[in-house]
């Protein structure tokens, strides 16, 4: 039995495969061929923005293309994230989001303007943020439990500060206090010029 035709077919198939792969690799090597825009759905100067810019600076250097940060804060991160969902799926618009717009906000808002599960593909986590609770040194408290007890005992003089109504800090405050004092006050902190005060 002559095996030459089978070998020729196999060799031809390998050459064709190599040609296809070579073309794919050449096309893959040209990405990115222009600047990439990264939508940060949080205010400029926020922790999310600063950490993202540090990471993107290194990525830009290694990729050889500018990476432009485009901040679009508002609605707990929903505004910028929705913009990312509507962008062309060409690899030149990324969203550097967080757990709020991608997970928690689904339970807080009736309509996000996007579907976190269908509109996005998670690439990688790159930063984790810690929520810090602080109190005046003039208060007679040393632990979180003592602070909560003090706030419940002195609701008229207890003020909490937070960056946004859908922020992790608000969630943490609600969870830790379980039953906030009826007359305690919340003071929102404006983290961007266009953030409304509530």
C-alpha atoms as a PDB file:
ATOM      1  CA  UNK A   1       0.000   0.000   0.000  1.00  0.00           C
ATOM      2  CA  UNK A   2       1.383   3.378  -1.038  1.00  0.00           C
ATOM      3  CA  UNK A   3       1.467   5.896   1.875  1.00  0.00           C
ATOM      4  CA  UNK A   4       2.800   8.817  -0.184  1.00  0.00           C
ATOM      5  CA  UNK A   5      -0.608  10.412  -0.990  1.00  0.00           C
ATOM      6  CA  UNK A   6      -1.586  10.367   2.690  1.00  0.00           C
ATOM      7  CA  UNK A   7       1.723  11.970   3.638  1.00  0.00           C
ATOM      8  CA  UNK A   8       1.281  14.627   0.956  1.00  0.00           C
ATOM      9  CA  UNK A   9      -2.237  15.355   2.184  1.00  0.00           C
ATOM     10  CA  UNK A  10      -0.967  15.589   5.769  1.00  0.00           C
ATOM     11  CA  UNK A  11       1.939  17.819   4.705  1.00  0.00           C
ATOM     12  CA  UNK A  12      -0.456  19.994   2.692  1.00  0.00           C
ATOM     13  CA  UNK A  13      -2.788  20.269   5.672  1.00  0.00           C
ATOM     14  CA  UNK A  14       0.100  21.268   7.948  1.00  0.00           C
ATOM     15  CA  UNK A  15       1.274  23.921   5.479  1.00  0.00           C
ATOM     16  CA  UNK A  16      -2.272  25.296   5.208  1.00  0.00           C
ATOM     17  CA  UNK A  17      -2.623  25.298   9.000  1.00  0.00           C
ATOM     18  CA  UNK A  18       0.735  27.037   9.362  1.00  0.00           C
ATOM     19  CA  UNK A  19      -0.357  29.686   6.846  1.00  0.00           C
ATOM     20  CA  UNK A  20      -3.610  30.238   8.735  1.00  0.00           C
ATOM     21  CA  UNK A  21      -1.847  30.435  12.078  1.00  0.00           C
ATOM     22  CA  UNK A  22       0.816  32.730  10.666  1.00  0.00           C
ATOM     23  CA  UNK A  23      -1.881  35.135   9.435  1.00  0.00           C
ATOM     24  CA  UNK A  24      -3.649  34.981  12.795  1.00  0.00           C
ATOM     25  CA  UNK A  25      -0.434  35.717  14.668  1.00  0.00           C
ATOM     26  CA  UNK A  26       0.390  38.623  12.396  1.00  0.00           C
ATOM     27  CA  UNK A  27      -3.079  40.091  12.971  1.00  0.00           C
ATOM     28  CA  UNK A  28      -2.831  39.470  16.720  1.00  0.00           C
ATOM     29  CA  UNK A  29       0.534  41.234  16.893  1.00  0.00           C
ATOM     30  CA  UNK A  30      -0.948  44.421  15.442  1.00  0.00           C
ATOM     31  CA  UNK A  31      -3.279  44.876  18.413  1.00  0.00           C
ATOM     32  CA  UNK A  32      -3.408  47.473  19.729  1.00  0.00           C
ATOM     33  CA  UNK A  33      -2.777  49.610  16.687  1.00  0.00           C
ATOM     34  CA  UNK A  34      -4.318  52.752  18.186  1.00  0.00           C
ATOM     35  CA  UNK A  35      -5.001  54.214  21.654  1.00  0.00           C
ATOM     36  CA  UNK A  36      -7.301  52.358  24.048  1.00  0.00           C
ATOM     37  CA  UNK A  37      -9.935  54.188  26.096  1.00  0.00           C
ATOM     38  CA  UNK A  38     -10.642  52.939  29.608  1.00  0.00           C
ATOM     39  CA  UNK A  39     -13.878  54.134  31.161  1.00  0.00           C
ATOM     40  CA  UNK A  40     -13.596  54.544  34.919  1.00  0.00           C
ATOM     41  CA  UNK A  41     -17.146  54.911  36.291  1.00  0.00           C
ATOM     42  CA  UNK A  42     -15.895  56.746  39.366  1.00  0.00           C
ATOM     43  CA  UNK A  43     -14.644  60.263  40.051  1.00  0.00           C
ATOM     44  CA  UNK A  44     -11.189  61.421  39.066  1.00  0.00           C
ATOM     45  CA  UNK A  45      -8.923  61.272  42.102  1.00  0.00           C
ATOM     46  CA  UNK A  46     -10.964  58.508  43.764  1.00  0.00           C
ATOM     47  CA  UNK A  47      -9.171  55.376  44.946  1.00  0.00           C
ATOM     48  CA  UNK A  48     -10.537  53.437  41.951  1.00  0.00           C
ATOM     49  CA  UNK A  49      -9.277  56.109  39.547  1.00  0.00           C
ATOM     50  CA  UNK A  50      -5.796  56.407  41.062  1.00  0.00           C
ATOM     51  CA  UNK A  51      -5.142  52.659  41.225  1.00  0.00           C
ATOM     52  CA  UNK A  52      -6.454  52.196  37.680  1.00  0.00           C
ATOM     53  CA  UNK A  53      -4.183  54.947  36.348  1.00  0.00           C
ATOM     54  CA  UNK A  54      -1.119  53.410  38.011  1.00  0.00           C
ATOM     55  CA  UNK A  55      -1.861  50.017  36.448  1.00  0.00           C
ATOM     56  CA  UNK A  56      -2.719  51.467  33.027  1.00  0.00           C
ATOM     57  CA  UNK A  57       0.475  53.510  32.922  1.00  0.00           C
ATOM     58  CA  UNK A  58       2.513  50.294  33.143  1.00  0.00           C
ATOM     59  CA  UNK A  59       0.248  48.549  30.623  1.00  0.00           C
ATOM     60  CA  UNK A  60       0.594  51.437  28.172  1.00  0.00           C
ATOM     61  CA  UNK A  61       4.376  51.224  28.384  1.00  0.00           C
ATOM     62  CA  UNK A  62       4.418  47.476  27.754  1.00  0.00           C
ATOM     63  CA  UNK A  63       1.797  47.605  24.956  1.00  0.00           C
ATOM     64  CA  UNK A  64       3.368  50.578  23.177  1.00  0.00           C
ATOM     65  CA  UNK A  65       0.071  52.450  22.864  1.00  0.00           C
ATOM     66  CA  UNK A  66      -1.512  55.261  24.869  1.00  0.00           C
ATOM     67  CA  UNK A  67      -4.299  54.257  27.226  1.00  0.00           C
ATOM     68  CA  UNK A  68      -6.690  57.125  27.886  1.00  0.00           C
ATOM     69  CA  UNK A  69      -8.715  57.219  31.115  1.00  0.00           C
ATOM     70  CA  UNK A  70     -12.235  58.582  30.665  1.00  0.00           C
ATOM     71  CA  UNK A  71     -13.983  59.205  34.027  1.00  0.00           C
ATOM     72  CA  UNK A  72     -17.792  59.039  34.025  1.00  0.00           C
ATOM     73  CA  UNK A  73     -18.977  58.917  37.662  1.00  0.00           C
ATOM     74  CA  UNK A  74     -22.558  58.859  38.838  1.00  0.00           C
ATOM     75  CA  UNK A  75     -25.355  56.561  39.976  1.00  0.00           C
ATOM     76  CA  UNK A  76     -22.980  54.362  41.939  1.00  0.00           C
ATOM     77  CA  UNK A  77     -20.862  53.682  38.836  1.00  0.00           C
ATOM     78  CA  UNK A  78     -23.808  52.846  36.566  1.00  0.00           C
ATOM     79  CA  UNK A  79     -23.383  55.791  34.168  1.00  0.00           C
ATOM     80  CA  UNK A  80     -19.837  54.979  33.062  1.00  0.00           C
ATOM     81  CA  UNK A  81     -20.460  51.244  33.090  1.00  0.00           C
ATOM     82  CA  UNK A  82     -23.501  51.689  30.826  1.00  0.00           C
ATOM     83  CA  UNK A  83     -21.344  53.705  28.425  1.00  0.00           C
ATOM     84  CA  UNK A  84     -18.910  50.810  28.284  1.00  0.00           C
ATOM     85  CA  UNK A  85     -21.723  48.361  27.562  1.00  0.00           C
ATOM     86  CA  UNK A  86     -22.789  50.463  24.566  1.00  0.00           C
ATOM     87  CA  UNK A  87     -19.262  50.894  23.150  1.00  0.00           C
ATOM     88  CA  UNK A  88     -18.169  49.045  20.030  1.00  0.00           C
ATOM     89  CA  UNK A  89     -16.883  45.566  20.976  1.00  0.00           C
ATOM     90  CA  UNK A  90     -13.576  46.099  19.180  1.00  0.00           C
ATOM     91  CA  UNK A  91     -11.184  45.824  22.119  1.00  0.00           C
ATOM     92  CA  UNK A  92     -10.461  49.558  22.185  1.00  0.00           C
ATOM     93  CA  UNK A  93     -12.880  50.482  24.981  1.00  0.00           C
ATOM     94  CA  UNK A  94     -12.446  48.864  28.365  1.00  0.00           C
ATOM     95  CA  UNK A  95     -14.293  49.437  31.634  1.00  0.00           C
ATOM     96  CA  UNK A  96     -12.359  49.513  34.913  1.00  0.00           C
ATOM     97  CA  UNK A  97     -15.348  48.921  37.146  1.00  0.00           C
ATOM     98  CA  UNK A  98     -15.953  47.555  40.584  1.00  0.00           C
ATOM     99  CA  UNK A  99     -18.227  45.274  42.523  1.00  0.00           C
ATOM    100  CA  UNK A 100     -20.913  47.976  42.792  1.00  0.00           C
ATOM    101  CA  UNK A 101     -21.755  48.458  39.095  1.00  0.00           C
ATOM    102  CA  UNK A 102     -21.082  44.819  38.236  1.00  0.00           C
ATOM    103  CA  UNK A 103     -22.801  43.076  41.159  1.00  0.00           C
ATOM    104  CA  UNK A 104     -24.334  45.057  44.045  1.00  0.00           C
ATOM    105  CA  UNK A 105     -26.146  47.680  41.968  1.00  0.00           C
ATOM    106  CA  UNK A 106     -28.287  44.998  40.362  1.00  0.00           C
ATOM    107  CA  UNK A 107     -30.085  44.758  43.702  1.00  0.00           C
ATOM    108  CA  UNK A 108     -30.269  48.527  44.225  1.00  0.00           C
ATOM    109  CA  UNK A 109     -31.510  49.844  40.880  1.00  0.00           C
ATOM    110  CA  UNK A 110     -34.533  48.823  38.833  1.00  0.00           C
ATOM    111  CA  UNK A 111     -32.744  49.422  35.513  1.00  0.00           C
ATOM    112  CA  UNK A 112     -28.982  49.709  35.241  1.00  0.00           C
ATOM    113  CA  UNK A 113     -29.012  50.414  31.511  1.00  0.00           C
ATOM    114  CA  UNK A 114     -26.922  47.276  30.988  1.00  0.00           C
ATOM    115  CA  UNK A 115     -26.814  43.637  32.037  1.00  0.00           C
ATOM    116  CA  UNK A 116     -23.622  42.899  34.009  1.00  0.00           C
ATOM    117  CA  UNK A 117     -23.781  39.195  33.168  1.00  0.00           C
ATOM    118  CA  UNK A 118     -24.499  39.527  29.440  1.00  0.00           C
ATOM    119  CA  UNK A 119     -22.748  42.752  28.495  1.00  0.00           C
ATOM    120  CA  UNK A 120     -19.361  42.169  30.105  1.00  0.00           C
ATOM    121  CA  UNK A 121     -16.663  39.551  30.330  1.00  0.00           C
ATOM    122  CA  UNK A 122     -14.540  39.780  33.462  1.00  0.00           C
ATOM    123  CA  UNK A 123     -10.864  39.839  32.549  1.00  0.00           C
ATOM    124  CA  UNK A 124      -9.095  40.019  35.888  1.00  0.00           C
ATOM    125  CA  UNK A 125      -9.337  41.652  39.302  1.00  0.00           C
ATOM    126  CA  UNK A 126      -6.423  44.016  39.867  1.00  0.00           C
ATOM    127  CA  UNK A 127      -7.151  45.863  43.108  1.00  0.00           C
ATOM    128  CA  UNK A 128      -8.969  45.346  46.365  1.00  0.00           C
ATOM    129  CA  UNK A 129     -10.085  48.182  48.607  1.00  0.00           C
ATOM    130  CA  UNK A 130     -10.561  48.147  52.342  1.00  0.00           C
ATOM    131  CA  UNK A 131     -13.326  50.062  54.063  1.00  0.00           C
ATOM    132  CA  UNK A 132     -11.962  51.938  57.054  1.00  0.00           C
ATOM    133  CA  UNK A 133     -14.100  53.139  59.930  1.00  0.00           C
ATOM    134  CA  UNK A 134     -12.632  56.051  61.880  1.00  0.00           C
ATOM    135  CA  UNK A 135     -13.880  58.093  64.813  1.00  0.00           C
ATOM    136  CA  UNK A 136     -12.707  61.164  66.654  1.00  0.00           C
ATOM    137  CA  UNK A 137     -10.121  60.507  69.337  1.00  0.00           C
ATOM    138  CA  UNK A 138     -12.319  62.636  71.613  1.00  0.00           C
ATOM    139  CA  UNK A 139     -15.002  59.918  71.655  1.00  0.00           C
ATOM    140  CA  UNK A 140     -14.855  57.311  74.423  1.00  0.00           C
ATOM    141  CA  UNK A 141     -14.644  54.396  71.945  1.00  0.00           C
ATOM    142  CA  UNK A 142     -11.874  51.974  70.971  1.00  0.00           C
ATOM    143  CA  UNK A 143     -13.704  49.312  68.922  1.00  0.00           C
ATOM    144  CA  UNK A 144     -16.357  49.196  66.215  1.00  0.00           C
ATOM    145  CA  UNK A 145     -18.798  47.673  68.709  1.00  0.00           C
ATOM    146  CA  UNK A 146     -18.233  50.549  71.102  1.00  0.00           C
ATOM    147  CA  UNK A 147     -18.708  53.082  68.283  1.00  0.00           C
ATOM    148  CA  UNK A 148     -22.016  51.515  67.242  1.00  0.00           C
ATOM    149  CA  UNK A 149     -23.213  51.449  70.846  1.00  0.00           C
ATOM    150  CA  UNK A 150     -22.196  55.098  71.281  1.00  0.00           C
ATOM    151  CA  UNK A 151     -24.014  56.132  68.075  1.00  0.00           C
ATOM    152  CA  UNK A 152     -27.186  54.372  69.226  1.00  0.00           C
ATOM    153  CA  UNK A 153     -26.982  55.992  72.645  1.00  0.00           C
ATOM    154  CA  UNK A 154     -26.310  59.467  71.176  1.00  0.00           C
ATOM    155  CA  UNK A 155     -28.269  59.579  67.904  1.00  0.00           C
ATOM    156  CA  UNK A 156     -28.674  63.368  67.805  1.00  0.00           C
ATOM    157  CA  UNK A 157     -24.913  63.931  67.836  1.00  0.00           C
ATOM    158  CA  UNK A 158     -23.929  61.014  65.590  1.00  0.00           C
ATOM    159  CA  UNK A 159     -22.961  61.869  62.019  1.00  0.00           C
ATOM    160  CA  UNK A 160     -21.664  59.435  59.429  1.00  0.00           C
ATOM    161  CA  UNK A 161     -19.847  60.498  56.257  1.00  0.00           C
ATOM    162  CA  UNK A 162     -19.934  58.578  52.995  1.00  0.00           C
ATOM    163  CA  UNK A 163     -18.987  59.165  49.374  1.00  0.00           C
ATOM    164  CA  UNK A 164     -22.200  58.030  47.614  1.00  0.00           C
ATOM    165  CA  UNK A 165     -25.520  56.378  48.409  1.00  0.00           C
ATOM    166  CA  UNK A 166     -24.579  53.150  46.619  1.00  0.00           C
ATOM    167  CA  UNK A 167     -21.000  53.118  47.874  1.00  0.00           C
ATOM    168  CA  UNK A 168     -19.509  50.219  49.788  1.00  0.00           C
ATOM    169  CA  UNK A 169     -19.141  52.546  52.764  1.00  0.00           C
ATOM    170  CA  UNK A 170     -22.913  53.020  52.910  1.00  0.00           C
ATOM    171  CA  UNK A 171     -23.493  49.269  52.721  1.00  0.00           C
ATOM    172  CA  UNK A 172     -20.913  48.652  55.424  1.00  0.00           C
ATOM    173  CA  UNK A 173     -22.490  51.300  57.662  1.00  0.00           C
ATOM    174  CA  UNK A 174     -25.937  49.792  57.200  1.00  0.00           C
ATOM    175  CA  UNK A 175     -24.738  46.263  57.863  1.00  0.00           C
ATOM    176  CA  UNK A 176     -22.644  47.136  60.913  1.00  0.00           C
ATOM    177  CA  UNK A 177     -25.314  49.193  62.629  1.00  0.00           C
ATOM    178  CA  UNK A 178     -28.210  46.824  61.767  1.00  0.00           C
ATOM    179  CA  UNK A 179     -30.693  49.371  63.125  1.00  0.00           C
ATOM    180  CA  UNK A 180     -29.446  52.932  62.651  1.00  0.00           C
ATOM    181  CA  UNK A 181     -30.559  55.459  65.200  1.00  0.00           C
ATOM    182  CA  UNK A 182     -33.674  57.267  63.940  1.00  0.00           C
ATOM    183  CA  UNK A 183     -32.252  60.767  64.327  1.00  0.00           C
ATOM    184  CA  UNK A 184     -28.648  60.106  63.304  1.00  0.00           C
ATOM    185  CA  UNK A 185     -27.501  62.141  60.308  1.00  0.00           C
ATOM    186  CA  UNK A 186     -25.586  61.194  57.169  1.00  0.00           C
ATOM    187  CA  UNK A 187     -23.254  63.652  55.500  1.00  0.00           C
ATOM    188  CA  UNK A 188     -22.443  62.799  51.864  1.00  0.00           C
ATOM    189  CA  UNK A 189     -18.986  63.820  50.678  1.00  0.00           C
ATOM    190  CA  UNK A 190     -18.769  65.240  47.140  1.00  0.00           C
ATOM    191  CA  UNK A 191     -16.019  63.324  45.334  1.00  0.00           C
ATOM    192  CA  UNK A 192     -16.443  65.085  41.998  1.00  0.00           C
ATOM    193  CA  UNK A 193     -17.593  68.531  40.882  1.00  0.00           C
ATOM    194  CA  UNK A 194     -20.747  67.153  39.245  1.00  0.00           C
ATOM    195  CA  UNK A 195     -21.833  65.003  42.195  1.00  0.00           C
ATOM    196  CA  UNK A 196     -25.067  66.239  43.721  1.00  0.00           C
ATOM    197  CA  UNK A 197     -25.297  66.634  47.443  1.00  0.00           C
ATOM    198  CA  UNK A 198     -28.071  64.693  49.151  1.00  0.00           C
END
